[in-house]
Protein backbone atom coordinates (compact mmCIF):
# COMPACT_ATOMS: atom_id res chain seq x y z
CA MET A 1 -46.87 -11.78 -3.73
CA ASP A 2 -48.47 -9.74 -6.52
CA PRO A 3 -45.22 -8.52 -9.12
CA GLN A 4 -46.02 -5.10 -10.53
CA GLY A 5 -48.00 -4.98 -13.40
CA ALA A 6 -48.50 -9.14 -13.63
CA VAL A 7 -52.08 -8.86 -13.72
CA GLU A 8 -54.59 -5.92 -14.45
CA SER A 9 -57.76 -5.39 -12.73
CA PHE A 10 -60.34 -7.74 -11.94
CA ASN A 11 -58.42 -10.67 -12.87
CA ARG A 12 -56.26 -9.98 -9.38
CA LEU A 13 -58.98 -11.68 -7.58
CA SER A 14 -58.68 -14.99 -8.12
CA PHE A 15 -55.06 -14.58 -7.07
CA GLY A 16 -55.87 -12.93 -3.93
CA LEU A 17 -58.14 -15.26 -3.02
CA GLY A 18 -55.22 -18.00 -3.78
CA VAL A 19 -57.18 -19.72 -6.32
CA ALA A 20 -54.45 -19.02 -8.82
CA HIS A 21 -50.49 -18.35 -8.35
CA TYR A 22 -47.61 -16.26 -9.63
CA ASP A 23 -45.09 -18.40 -11.50
CA PRO A 24 -41.56 -18.04 -9.77
CA PRO A 25 -38.58 -17.08 -11.40
CA PRO A 26 -36.62 -19.67 -13.40
CA PRO A 27 -33.69 -21.89 -11.84
CA GLU A 28 -30.39 -20.60 -12.74
CA VAL A 29 -29.91 -23.31 -14.91
CA LEU A 30 -33.20 -24.70 -16.52
CA GLY A 31 -32.18 -28.12 -16.77
CA ASP A 32 -35.14 -31.30 -16.59
CA LEU A 33 -38.10 -29.28 -18.25
CA ASP A 34 -40.19 -32.50 -17.75
CA GLU A 35 -39.19 -32.21 -14.29
CA LEU A 36 -40.28 -28.12 -14.09
CA GLU A 37 -43.53 -29.09 -15.76
CA ALA A 38 -44.29 -31.61 -13.30
CA HIS A 39 -43.78 -29.25 -10.46
CA ASP A 40 -45.68 -26.62 -12.51
CA ARG A 41 -42.29 -24.19 -12.56
CA PHE A 42 -43.24 -22.09 -15.65
CA ARG A 43 -46.24 -21.12 -18.06
CA PHE A 44 -44.03 -20.91 -20.90
CA VAL A 45 -40.56 -21.55 -21.95
CA ASN A 46 -38.71 -20.53 -25.30
CA ARG A 47 -35.74 -22.77 -25.06
CA LEU A 48 -32.76 -21.94 -27.97
CA GLU A 49 -29.90 -24.61 -27.85
CA ALA A 50 -27.07 -24.10 -30.25
CA TRP A 51 -24.02 -25.09 -31.29
CA ILE A 52 -20.92 -24.78 -33.76
CA GLU A 53 -17.71 -26.50 -35.15
CA VAL A 54 -14.64 -24.53 -35.71
CA GLU A 55 -11.41 -25.58 -37.54
CA ASP A 56 -8.48 -23.22 -38.00
CA GLY A 57 -10.94 -20.51 -36.70
CA ARG A 58 -13.58 -21.08 -39.20
CA ILE A 59 -17.00 -22.33 -38.60
CA VAL A 60 -17.51 -25.43 -40.59
CA GLU A 61 -20.38 -26.81 -38.73
CA ALA A 62 -23.20 -25.74 -36.83
CA GLY A 63 -26.68 -26.95 -35.65
CA GLN A 64 -29.45 -26.18 -33.25
CA ARG A 65 -32.32 -27.62 -31.31
CA GLY A 66 -35.25 -26.55 -28.57
CA GLY A 67 -37.97 -25.31 -29.00
CA GLY A 68 -41.05 -23.89 -26.72
CA ARG A 69 -42.94 -25.53 -24.18
CA ILE A 70 -46.28 -24.28 -22.70
CA ASN A 71 -47.48 -25.93 -19.57
CA VAL A 72 -51.01 -26.26 -18.30
CA THR A 73 -52.79 -23.69 -15.79
CA ARG A 74 -53.97 -25.16 -12.67
CA VAL A 75 -56.46 -23.32 -10.91
CA GLY A 76 -58.13 -24.01 -7.93
CA TYR A 77 -57.31 -25.75 -4.09
CA GLY A 78 -55.13 -28.77 -3.69
CA SER A 79 -57.45 -31.79 -5.06
CA ALA A 80 -60.01 -29.27 -6.19
CA SER A 81 -57.93 -27.86 -8.41
CA ILE A 82 -58.81 -28.03 -12.69
CA ALA A 83 -56.14 -28.12 -15.38
CA PHE A 84 -56.81 -25.88 -18.13
CA THR A 85 -55.06 -27.47 -21.07
CA PRO A 86 -52.72 -24.95 -23.48
CA ILE A 87 -52.51 -24.89 -27.43
CA ALA A 88 -49.22 -24.56 -28.72
CA LEU A 89 -48.37 -22.71 -31.86
CA PRO A 90 -45.51 -24.46 -33.52
CA ASP A 91 -41.99 -23.28 -33.47
CA LEU A 92 -40.78 -21.13 -35.91
CA ARG A 93 -36.76 -21.58 -36.95
CA PRO A 94 -35.66 -20.21 -40.08
CA ASP A 95 -32.12 -21.57 -40.99
CA PRO A 96 -29.30 -20.16 -39.25
CA GLU A 97 -27.35 -17.13 -41.11
CA MET A 98 -23.98 -18.74 -41.40
CA GLY A 99 -20.60 -16.81 -42.21
CA PRO A 100 -17.15 -17.71 -41.98
CA THR A 101 -16.63 -16.63 -38.18
CA GLN A 102 -20.26 -16.10 -36.69
CA VAL A 103 -23.30 -18.10 -36.72
CA ARG A 104 -27.11 -16.53 -36.13
CA PHE A 105 -29.81 -18.73 -34.59
CA VAL A 106 -33.34 -17.43 -34.10
CA GLN A 107 -36.27 -19.01 -32.57
CA THR A 108 -39.70 -17.99 -32.37
CA ALA A 109 -42.22 -20.06 -29.85
CA GLY A 110 -45.40 -19.76 -28.11
CA GLY A 111 -49.26 -20.48 -27.67
CA ARG A 112 -52.23 -19.98 -25.98
CA THR A 113 -51.96 -20.40 -22.03
CA GLY A 114 -54.86 -22.63 -20.91
CA PHE A 115 -56.92 -20.52 -18.50
CA PRO A 116 -59.61 -18.67 -20.15
CA THR A 117 -59.46 -15.17 -18.63
CA PRO A 118 -61.64 -11.90 -19.44
CA ARG A 119 -59.44 -9.34 -20.63
CA ARG A 120 -59.49 -5.88 -23.01
CA VAL A 121 -59.05 -6.19 -26.89
CA ARG A 122 -58.99 -3.25 -29.48
CA HIS A 123 -61.77 -4.49 -31.51
CA GLU A 124 -65.77 -5.52 -30.87
CA PRO A 125 -66.82 -7.01 -28.37
CA TYR A 126 -64.01 -5.38 -26.45
CA VAL A 127 -63.30 -7.90 -24.52
CA GLN A 128 -62.49 -11.59 -24.66
CA ILE A 129 -62.65 -14.56 -22.61
CA ALA A 130 -59.67 -16.56 -23.23
CA GLY A 131 -56.53 -17.87 -22.70
CA PRO A 132 -53.89 -14.77 -23.74
CA VAL A 133 -51.29 -15.94 -26.46
CA THR A 134 -47.79 -15.36 -25.16
CA TRP A 135 -44.26 -15.87 -27.17
CA SER A 136 -41.32 -14.75 -27.55
CA THR A 137 -38.73 -14.67 -30.43
CA LEU A 138 -34.90 -15.50 -29.25
CA ALA A 139 -31.58 -14.76 -31.24
CA LEU A 140 -28.31 -16.04 -30.82
CA THR A 141 -24.94 -15.27 -32.50
CA ILE A 142 -22.48 -17.89 -31.84
CA HIS A 143 -18.47 -16.28 -32.96
CA ALA A 144 -15.60 -18.90 -34.02
CA ASP A 145 -13.77 -17.78 -30.91
CA GLY A 146 -16.73 -18.97 -28.61
CA THR A 147 -17.99 -15.77 -27.83
CA ALA A 148 -21.78 -15.26 -28.01
CA GLU A 149 -24.78 -13.06 -28.17
CA PRO A 150 -28.02 -13.37 -26.91
CA ARG A 151 -30.99 -11.69 -27.75
CA LEU A 152 -34.43 -11.18 -27.23
CA VAL A 153 -35.93 -9.89 -30.29
CA GLY A 154 -39.60 -9.80 -29.60
CA ALA A 155 -42.21 -11.15 -26.66
CA SER A 156 -45.45 -10.96 -26.18
CA SER A 157 -46.59 -8.60 -23.07
CA PHE A 158 -48.33 -11.70 -21.34
CA PRO A 159 -48.19 -11.07 -18.13
CA ARG A 160 -44.06 -10.14 -17.91
CA HIS A 161 -40.84 -11.55 -19.07
CA TRP A 162 -37.89 -12.90 -17.15
CA GLY A 163 -34.98 -10.74 -19.23
CA VAL A 164 -32.62 -13.14 -21.57
CA ARG A 165 -29.36 -14.25 -19.77
CA PRO A 166 -26.50 -16.99 -19.97
CA SER A 167 -26.27 -20.10 -18.55
CA TRP A 168 -24.02 -22.93 -19.25
CA SER A 169 -24.71 -26.54 -19.30
CA ALA A 170 -23.24 -29.55 -20.45
CA GLY A 171 -20.89 -27.33 -22.79
CA ARG A 172 -24.14 -26.27 -24.23
CA GLN A 173 -25.08 -22.68 -23.54
CA GLU A 174 -28.99 -21.71 -22.82
CA TRP A 175 -30.86 -18.41 -22.76
CA VAL A 176 -33.18 -17.97 -19.96
CA HIS A 177 -35.74 -15.36 -19.50
CA ARG A 178 -35.07 -13.88 -16.33
CA PRO A 179 -35.38 -10.22 -14.72
C-alpha cells in the first residue's frame, strides 16, 4: 500500500521492493508505547497527557506529562534488516496557561528519523542524505466543566500526519494523530 504523497520520487523504490514499509495507522487508544515500539507500530509519537482538579467550578490544580518518542527505522528483509537509530530532540513544554475555568497545555516534540534518505533541500548542494526531522506541536485546553479542545498547532511535512482525535483511557484524555 502506498499512501498518497507519503514518499516522493526515487525513495518509493525501497518501499516497492519491500525493503522499507509504511507505518500502519495508530490504534484507537495508544496504550503501552513500549509495546507499540517493540512491534514497530510507529515512527514518531507526540503524546500529551494533562489533568485538572476543580473545586466549586474553579480550577485549583493542573498538570501534564507525556512527551515525544521516536522509534528506530528498520530496513531490510527479516533477520537481514538493519535498525537505524533516530536522534530525539528535547521536548518543549512551556508552563500551562492557567485561568480560573480553563487551562491550556502546549507540547512540541520531534527528532531526526534514523534512516538516511536522499531528499531535496532549498540550499546548496540541493540534495541531503540524512533522516528527515519530524515534529509536531499539540495544544490541549481543558475546561472546568470537563470539556476539552485538542489542537494540532503545527507539524513537519514528513511524510504524513494523522489528524488529532481524542481518546479516553483510565480517566486521562490523550490526543493521537489520526486521519
